[in-house]
Amino acid sequence: MEKIKVVQYGCGKMSKYTMRYCFEKGAKIVGAFDIDESKFGKDIGTIIDDGKNYRVKIQDAKNFENFLNTNDVDAVIVTTMSLLNDVADALLICAKCGVNAITTCEEAFFPQNSNPKLFKKIDELAQANNCTICGSGYQDVFWGNLISVLAGATHKITKIRGKSSYNVEDYGIALAKAHGAGLSTEEFDKEVASIDRISDAERKKIIMAGKYAPSYMWNVNGWLCSKLGLTVKSQTQKCVPQIAKKNLKSKTLEMTIPKGACTGMSAVVTTTTKEGIVLETECIGKVYDSTEFDCNDWTIEGEPNTRVVIERPATVELTCATIVNRLPELLVAPAGYFTTEFMPENFYKQESLEKYLFEDDCCCDDECCCEHETEKSKKTNKEKKSKK
């Protein structure tokens, strides 16, 4: 069986791990693209930083579509931005060319509830060209399947509480700025917090127009409700600034955040359901001081109560490993924009990735496929695996 052929789109901090993990799991990087001119022509080994020459040069993203049309590619890994609008061009090119794609974009995890218009556009184009698009990463396991598995050991649930923190320094300048890092409190209130001081009707209008900026938990709550069979009745979001207690240097922002300014934000999303279960989830993204570290803390309240706390998770590496381990499921999933709550729980791939391609078996149950597929997307897995 041939190795899975992968293209890396976005050669920043995350790609250092996604590309290396692909090679070490038996996949093959056949192309790499970025918008940074300083990277053009360099071997991907300069990003992986392991002293090897892989004979794969980083190319201008302007050549991305032509490359997909003229080369045999099984999957694209997109590791660039956090909002669906910002990765839409790359995903639409993949869908247009009939190439499967998976992205670390946080909104892409469950964009139906934040940008349904763009979700539908990508979904229809991917179905028409017989490929699969999805979002995955850290949230797939640590905010998604970990919680749904714990729910499976619970007799009755009344509330799900989640809290997760991460250092925006690890993800690049775009993410840091999106969290309000470096802003004054007045600027944060105007540019970030004010966006959510709106009525439900106003928020719905913005969402339908594709102009909403969800926090990560907005999409996670939608994913969890879908996974657990819950019907969303209402959902709100509130963004609160995190304040520097002293001057704090940020390498990513290339500045010193002054005492009293914003190091990032906490976003709290509250979801009520028709079944009576409430989800209250919070993500804290900020520039850390020397005493702070990542933490993932979830509680399921009911009978019985269950709490799981993971301190110091290697969030970047866990995100990238999840993406790479998802590649076989991506390749055998139904065509269209197929979110991961309908895929099996992500599992450790001991052998080379191509050995997990089961062409005669769907990656989800029959009921799910029946709900998702239209006449355009009813493809065999053998057909799904390749665009040939």
Protein backbone atom coordinates (compact mmCIF):
# COMPACT_ATOMS: atom_id res chain seq x y z
CA MET A 1 0.00 0.00 0.00
CA GLU A 2 1.34 3.46 -0.93
CA LYS A 3 2.30 5.99 1.71
CA ILE A 4 -0.14 8.82 2.36
CA LYS A 5 1.02 11.88 0.40
CA VAL A 6 0.60 15.14 2.33
CA VAL A 7 0.97 18.83 1.51
CA GLN A 8 1.73 21.27 4.32
CA TYR A 9 -0.02 24.64 3.99
CA GLY A 10 1.45 27.17 6.42
CA CYS A 11 5.07 26.69 7.46
CA GLY A 12 5.05 28.32 10.87
CA LYS A 13 5.41 27.07 14.43
CA MET A 14 2.86 24.26 14.18
CA SER A 15 4.25 22.81 10.95
CA LYS A 16 7.53 21.98 12.69
CA TYR A 17 5.63 19.19 14.41
CA THR A 18 2.98 18.25 11.83
CA MET A 19 5.61 17.63 9.16
CA ARG A 20 7.95 15.68 11.41
CA TYR A 21 5.09 13.63 12.83
CA CYS A 22 3.91 12.82 9.29
CA PHE A 23 7.33 11.47 8.34
CA GLU A 24 7.66 9.49 11.57
CA LYS A 25 4.18 7.99 11.08
CA GLY A 26 5.04 6.81 7.57
CA ALA A 27 3.39 9.57 5.56
CA LYS A 28 5.25 11.59 2.94
CA ILE A 29 5.35 15.40 2.66
CA VAL A 30 5.26 16.13 -1.07
CA GLY A 31 4.77 19.91 -0.96
CA ALA A 32 4.84 22.89 1.39
CA PHE A 33 3.40 26.39 1.00
CA ASP A 34 3.48 29.72 2.81
CA ILE A 35 2.91 33.44 2.21
CA ASP A 36 6.21 34.50 3.83
CA GLU A 37 8.67 35.35 1.04
CA SER A 38 11.65 34.78 3.35
CA LYS A 39 10.78 31.07 3.43
CA PHE A 40 10.40 30.54 -0.31
CA GLY A 41 12.92 28.08 -1.75
CA LYS A 42 14.05 26.78 1.63
CA ASP A 43 13.92 23.07 2.38
CA ILE A 44 11.28 22.05 4.91
CA GLY A 45 14.14 20.73 7.02
CA THR A 46 14.79 24.36 8.03
CA ILE A 47 11.35 24.38 9.67
CA ILE A 48 11.52 20.89 11.16
CA ASP A 49 14.99 21.88 12.38
CA ASP A 50 16.44 18.38 12.57
CA GLY A 51 19.45 18.88 10.33
CA LYS A 52 17.99 16.85 7.46
CA ASN A 53 17.46 17.79 3.82
CA TYR A 54 14.04 16.48 2.73
CA ARG A 55 14.31 17.82 -0.83
CA VAL A 56 10.95 19.55 -0.50
CA LYS A 57 11.11 23.31 -1.02
CA ILE A 58 8.67 25.77 0.50
CA GLN A 59 6.69 27.46 -2.27
CA ASP A 60 4.63 30.62 -2.62
CA ALA A 61 1.00 29.99 -1.63
CA LYS A 62 0.04 31.53 -4.98
CA ASN A 63 1.18 28.25 -6.58
CA PHE A 64 -0.90 26.08 -4.25
CA GLU A 65 -3.88 25.43 -6.54
CA ASN A 66 -1.74 24.63 -9.55
CA PHE A 67 0.32 22.18 -7.46
CA LEU A 68 -2.79 20.32 -6.32
CA ASN A 69 -4.05 20.10 -9.88
CA THR A 70 -0.79 18.69 -11.23
CA ASN A 71 0.40 16.40 -8.44
CA ASP A 72 -0.89 13.30 -6.68
CA VAL A 73 -1.89 14.49 -3.18
CA ASP A 74 -3.98 12.60 -0.62
CA ALA A 75 -4.34 15.28 2.05
CA VAL A 76 -3.47 18.85 2.93
CA ILE A 77 -2.71 19.99 6.48
CA VAL A 78 -3.57 23.66 7.01
CA THR A 79 -1.92 25.28 10.05
CA THR A 80 -2.39 29.02 9.71
CA MET A 81 -5.19 31.02 11.34
CA SER A 82 -7.97 30.53 13.92
CA LEU A 83 -11.08 31.78 12.09
CA LEU A 84 -12.78 30.02 9.20
CA ASN A 85 -12.82 33.18 7.07
CA ASP A 86 -9.04 33.31 7.35
CA VAL A 87 -8.48 29.74 6.12
CA ALA A 88 -11.37 29.69 3.67
CA ASP A 89 -9.26 30.35 0.57
CA ALA A 90 -7.01 27.36 1.29
CA LEU A 91 -9.92 25.05 2.13
CA LEU A 92 -11.93 26.14 -0.91
CA ILE A 93 -8.95 25.45 -3.18
CA CYS A 94 -8.65 21.95 -1.67
CA ALA A 95 -12.38 21.37 -2.16
CA LYS A 96 -12.22 22.69 -5.73
CA CYS A 97 -9.28 20.41 -6.56
CA GLY A 98 -10.84 17.37 -4.88
CA VAL A 99 -8.13 17.02 -2.24
CA ASN A 100 -8.89 16.10 1.38
CA ALA A 101 -7.90 18.73 3.95
CA ILE A 102 -7.63 18.96 7.73
CA THR A 103 -6.89 22.15 9.65
CA THR A 104 -5.91 23.28 13.12
CA CYS A 105 -8.20 26.32 12.68
CA GLU A 106 -10.20 26.36 15.91
CA GLU A 107 -13.43 27.62 14.35
CA ALA A 108 -13.18 24.90 11.70
CA PHE A 109 -13.77 22.31 14.45
CA PHE A 110 -17.54 22.99 14.31
CA PRO A 111 -18.24 26.02 12.08
CA GLN A 112 -21.92 25.23 11.57
CA ASN A 113 -22.82 27.34 14.59
CA SER A 114 -20.62 30.35 13.82
CA ASN A 115 -20.35 30.65 10.04
CA PRO A 116 -23.02 28.41 8.47
CA LYS A 117 -22.93 30.16 5.10
CA LEU A 118 -19.23 29.49 4.53
CA PHE A 119 -19.54 26.02 6.04
CA LYS A 120 -22.23 25.18 3.49
CA LYS A 121 -20.18 26.60 0.62
CA ILE A 122 -17.15 24.47 1.49
CA ASP A 123 -19.33 21.43 2.18
CA GLU A 124 -21.11 21.59 -1.19
CA LEU A 125 -17.89 22.12 -3.13
CA ALA A 126 -16.17 19.22 -1.33
CA GLN A 127 -19.12 16.94 -1.99
CA ALA A 128 -19.17 17.90 -5.66
CA ASN A 129 -15.46 17.06 -5.98
CA ASN A 130 -15.48 13.96 -3.79
CA CYS A 131 -13.18 15.03 -0.95
CA THR A 132 -13.42 15.63 2.78
CA ILE A 133 -12.70 18.80 4.77
CA CYS A 134 -12.53 18.93 8.57
CA GLY A 135 -11.02 20.70 11.57
CA SER A 136 -9.24 18.94 14.41
CA GLY A 137 -6.45 19.43 16.92
CA TYR A 138 -6.20 19.78 20.68
CA GLN A 139 -9.92 20.45 21.10
CA ASP A 140 -10.80 17.23 19.28
CA VAL A 141 -9.42 15.16 22.17
CA PHE A 142 -9.14 17.38 25.24
CA TRP A 143 -12.30 19.48 24.88
CA GLY A 144 -14.32 16.99 22.86
CA ASN A 145 -13.86 13.23 23.01
CA LEU A 146 -12.39 13.26 26.52
CA ILE A 147 -15.59 14.87 27.77
CA SER A 148 -17.96 12.68 25.76
CA VAL A 149 -16.20 9.54 27.02
CA LEU A 150 -16.59 10.72 30.63
CA ALA A 151 -20.24 11.48 29.89
CA GLY A 152 -20.61 7.85 28.88
CA ALA A 153 -19.82 6.86 32.47
CA THR A 154 -22.41 9.24 33.92
CA HIS A 155 -25.99 8.32 34.83
CA LYS A 156 -27.40 11.84 34.71
CA ILE A 157 -25.83 15.14 33.65
CA THR A 158 -27.01 18.55 34.81
CA LYS A 159 -24.02 20.70 33.86
CA ILE A 160 -20.71 20.47 32.06
CA ARG A 161 -18.00 22.94 33.11
CA GLY A 162 -14.76 23.36 31.22
CA LYS A 163 -11.74 25.60 31.62
CA SER A 164 -8.59 25.52 29.54
CA SER A 165 -5.61 27.87 29.31
CA TYR A 166 -2.82 28.25 26.76
CA ASN A 167 0.10 30.56 26.09
CA VAL A 168 -0.54 32.63 22.98
CA GLU A 169 3.24 32.97 22.56
CA ASP A 170 3.24 29.40 21.22
CA TYR A 171 0.94 30.05 18.27
CA GLY A 172 2.14 33.15 16.47
CA ILE A 173 1.29 36.82 16.22
CA ALA A 174 -2.12 36.49 14.54
CA LEU A 175 -3.53 34.43 17.40
CA ALA A 176 -1.96 36.69 20.04
CA LYS A 177 -3.55 39.78 18.50
CA ALA A 178 -6.91 38.02 18.16
CA HIS A 179 -6.84 37.53 21.93
CA GLY A 180 -6.24 41.22 22.55
CA ALA A 181 -2.71 40.74 23.83
CA GLY A 182 -0.89 44.07 24.05
CA LEU A 183 -4.05 46.21 24.00
CA SER A 184 -4.95 48.70 26.68
CA THR A 185 -8.09 47.89 28.66
CA GLU A 186 -9.92 50.64 26.78
CA GLU A 187 -8.82 49.23 23.42
CA PHE A 188 -9.81 45.72 24.51
CA ASP A 189 -13.28 46.87 25.50
CA LYS A 190 -13.78 48.60 22.16
CA GLU A 191 -12.17 46.04 19.83
CA VAL A 192 -12.94 42.73 21.58
CA ALA A 193 -15.44 42.80 24.44
CA SER A 194 -17.98 45.10 22.81
CA ILE A 195 -18.58 42.63 20.00
CA ASP A 196 -20.54 40.38 22.35
CA ARG A 197 -22.61 43.04 24.09
CA ILE A 198 -25.44 42.40 21.69
CA SER A 199 -28.85 40.75 21.70
CA ASP A 200 -29.40 37.15 20.58
CA ALA A 201 -31.16 38.46 17.47
CA GLU A 202 -28.22 40.71 16.60
CA ARG A 203 -25.75 37.87 17.14
CA LYS A 204 -27.77 35.54 14.92
CA LYS A 205 -27.80 38.18 12.18
CA ILE A 206 -24.00 38.57 12.38
CA ILE A 207 -23.53 34.79 12.35
CA MET A 208 -25.73 34.36 9.29
CA ALA A 209 -23.73 37.10 7.55
CA GLY A 210 -20.50 35.20 8.27
CA LYS A 211 -19.03 38.06 10.31
CA TYR A 212 -19.03 36.60 13.81
CA ALA A 213 -15.75 36.09 15.70
CA PRO A 214 -16.33 33.10 18.00
CA SER A 215 -14.07 32.14 20.86
CA TYR A 216 -12.80 28.58 20.69
CA MET A 217 -15.38 27.26 23.15
CA TRP A 218 -18.24 28.56 21.02
CA ASN A 219 -17.53 25.87 18.46
CA VAL A 220 -16.60 23.28 21.11
CA ASN A 221 -19.98 23.66 22.82
CA GLY A 222 -21.70 23.09 19.47
CA TRP A 223 -19.55 20.01 18.85
CA LEU A 224 -20.29 18.58 22.31
CA CYS A 225 -24.03 19.14 21.93
CA SER A 226 -23.96 17.39 18.56
CA LYS A 227 -21.87 14.51 19.95
CA LEU A 228 -24.11 14.06 23.01
CA GLY A 229 -27.39 14.44 21.12
CA LEU A 230 -28.36 17.71 22.81
CA THR A 231 -30.47 20.45 21.25
CA VAL A 232 -29.12 23.97 21.72
CA LYS A 233 -31.69 26.43 23.02
CA SER A 234 -29.43 29.45 23.57
CA GLN A 235 -25.75 30.30 23.54
CA THR A 236 -23.90 33.41 24.74
CA GLN A 237 -20.28 34.52 24.83
CA LYS A 238 -18.43 36.98 27.07
CA CYS A 239 -14.81 38.07 26.66
CA VAL A 240 -12.91 39.37 29.69
CA PRO A 241 -9.38 40.85 29.53
CA GLN A 242 -6.46 39.31 31.37
CA ILE A 243 -4.36 42.06 32.96
CA ALA A 244 -0.60 42.22 33.31
CA LYS A 245 0.47 42.45 36.96
CA LYS A 246 3.88 43.74 35.88
CA ASN A 247 5.70 44.60 32.67
CA LEU A 248 5.76 41.46 30.54
CA LYS A 249 7.93 40.85 27.50
CA SER A 250 6.35 39.16 24.50
CA LYS A 251 8.63 37.67 21.85
CA THR A 252 5.69 37.02 19.53
CA LEU A 253 4.36 40.58 19.70
CA GLU A 254 7.92 41.97 19.80
CA MET A 255 6.98 44.33 22.59
CA THR A 256 6.83 44.71 26.35
CA ILE A 257 3.25 44.62 27.60
CA PRO A 258 3.06 47.32 30.30
CA LYS A 259 1.60 46.68 33.73
CA GLY A 260 -2.16 47.20 33.60
CA ALA A 261 -2.46 46.34 29.89
CA CYS A 262 -3.99 43.19 28.45
CA THR A 263 -1.99 39.98 28.18
CA GLY A 264 -4.90 38.22 26.45
CA MET A 265 -8.44 37.24 27.32
CA SER A 266 -10.80 34.80 28.94
CA ALA A 267 -13.82 33.84 26.84
CA VAL A 268 -16.77 32.24 28.62
CA VAL A 269 -19.45 30.49 26.57
CA THR A 270 -22.73 29.43 28.16
CA THR A 271 -25.05 27.05 26.33
CA THR A 272 -28.51 25.99 27.47
CA THR A 273 -30.21 22.96 25.92
CA LYS A 274 -33.79 21.74 25.58
CA GLU A 275 -32.75 18.66 27.53
CA GLY A 276 -31.91 20.85 30.54
CA ILE A 277 -28.13 20.33 30.46
CA VAL A 278 -26.06 23.52 30.66
CA LEU A 279 -22.54 23.84 29.24
CA GLU A 280 -20.33 26.56 30.74
CA THR A 281 -16.91 26.57 29.15
CA GLU A 282 -13.99 28.95 29.34
CA CYS A 283 -10.75 29.29 27.41
CA ILE A 284 -7.99 31.57 28.63
CA GLY A 285 -5.42 32.60 26.06
CA LYS A 286 -2.73 35.05 27.10
CA VAL A 287 0.97 35.81 27.25
CA TYR A 288 2.20 33.87 30.27
CA ASP A 289 4.45 35.16 32.98
CA SER A 290 7.13 32.86 34.41
CA THR A 291 4.76 31.29 36.95
CA GLU A 292 1.98 30.25 34.56
CA PHE A 293 1.41 27.07 32.55
CA ASP A 294 -1.24 25.34 30.44
CA CYS A 295 -4.08 23.58 32.23
CA ASN A 296 -7.21 21.69 31.17
CA ASP A 297 -9.92 21.37 33.82
CA TRP A 298 -13.36 19.82 33.20
CA THR A 299 -16.20 18.82 35.50
CA ILE A 300 -19.35 16.87 34.71
CA GLU A 301 -21.99 17.61 37.33
CA GLY A 302 -24.76 15.11 37.93
CA GLU A 303 -24.84 11.55 39.14
CA PRO A 304 -22.01 11.08 39.82
CA ASN A 305 -19.86 14.23 39.67
CA THR A 306 -16.59 13.74 37.77
CA ARG A 307 -13.65 16.10 37.44
CA VAL A 308 -10.53 15.69 35.33
CA VAL A 309 -7.56 18.07 35.55
CA ILE A 310 -4.56 17.91 33.23
CA GLU A 311 -1.71 20.20 34.22
CA ARG A 312 0.99 21.30 31.83
CA PRO A 313 -0.32 19.56 28.70
CA ALA A 314 2.04 20.02 25.75
CA THR A 315 -0.72 21.79 23.84
CA VAL A 316 1.19 22.46 20.62
CA GLU A 317 2.52 18.93 20.27
CA LEU A 318 -0.82 17.38 21.27
CA THR A 319 -2.57 19.51 18.66
CA CYS A 320 -0.20 18.40 15.91
CA ALA A 321 -0.20 14.73 16.90
CA THR A 322 -4.01 14.75 16.85
CA ILE A 323 -4.03 16.21 13.34
CA VAL A 324 -1.60 13.60 12.01
CA ASN A 325 -3.37 10.69 13.74
CA ARG A 326 -6.62 11.89 12.15
CA LEU A 327 -5.34 11.52 8.57
CA PRO A 328 -6.62 7.96 7.98
CA GLU A 329 -10.10 8.91 9.25
CA LEU A 330 -10.05 11.99 7.01
CA LEU A 331 -9.29 9.91 3.95
CA VAL A 332 -12.11 7.40 4.48
CA ALA A 333 -14.78 9.84 5.73
CA PRO A 334 -17.80 10.76 3.58
CA ALA A 335 -17.29 13.60 1.12
CA GLY A 336 -18.10 17.13 2.25
CA TYR A 337 -17.33 19.17 5.33
CA PHE A 338 -17.42 16.35 7.85
CA THR A 339 -16.91 17.35 11.49
CA THR A 340 -15.12 14.93 13.80
CA GLU A 341 -17.89 14.17 16.28
CA PHE A 342 -19.05 11.71 13.61
CA MET A 343 -15.62 10.08 13.37
CA PRO A 344 -14.28 7.46 15.80
CA GLU A 345 -12.49 8.72 18.89
CA ASN A 346 -8.95 9.53 17.84
CA PHE A 347 -6.62 6.66 18.68
CA TYR A 348 -2.89 6.03 18.74
CA LYS A 349 -1.44 4.92 15.43
CA GLN A 350 1.41 2.53 16.14
CA GLU A 351 1.98 1.48 12.53
CA SER A 352 2.46 3.48 9.36
CA LEU A 353 -0.65 5.60 8.70
CA GLU A 354 -1.60 3.98 5.39
CA LYS A 355 -2.20 0.69 7.23
CA TYR A 356 -5.24 2.27 8.90
CA LEU A 357 -7.04 2.90 5.64
CA PHE A 358 -9.96 0.49 5.68
CA GLU A 359 -11.50 0.98 2.29
CA ASP A 360 -14.49 -1.26 2.91
CA ASP A 361 -15.52 0.34 6.19
CA CYS A 362 -17.02 3.76 6.80
CA CYS A 363 -15.49 5.82 9.60
CA CYS A 364 -18.85 6.43 11.20
CA ASP A 365 -22.14 4.67 11.85
CA ASP A 366 -24.83 4.20 9.23
CA GLU A 367 -27.26 6.63 10.80
CA CYS A 368 -24.66 9.41 10.75
CA CYS A 369 -23.84 8.78 7.11
CA CYS A 370 -27.48 8.77 6.14
CA GLU A 371 -27.97 12.13 7.84
CA HIS A 372 -24.89 13.69 6.27
CA GLU A 373 -24.78 12.35 2.76
CA THR A 374 -26.65 13.64 -0.26
CA GLU A 375 -26.68 12.01 -3.67
CA LYS A 376 -23.46 13.87 -4.47
CA SER A 377 -21.57 12.58 -1.45
CA LYS A 378 -22.47 8.91 -1.51
CA LYS A 379 -19.04 7.65 -2.48
CA THR A 380 -17.29 4.41 -1.79
CA ASN A 381 -14.25 4.63 0.45
CA LYS A 382 -12.07 3.42 -2.38
CA GLU A 383 -13.22 6.39 -4.45
CA LYS A 384 -12.81 8.72 -1.47
CA LYS A 385 -9.21 7.74 -0.89
CA SER A 386 -8.01 9.19 -4.18
CA LYS A 387 -9.10 11.95 -6.53
CA LYS A 388 -7.86 10.03 -9.54
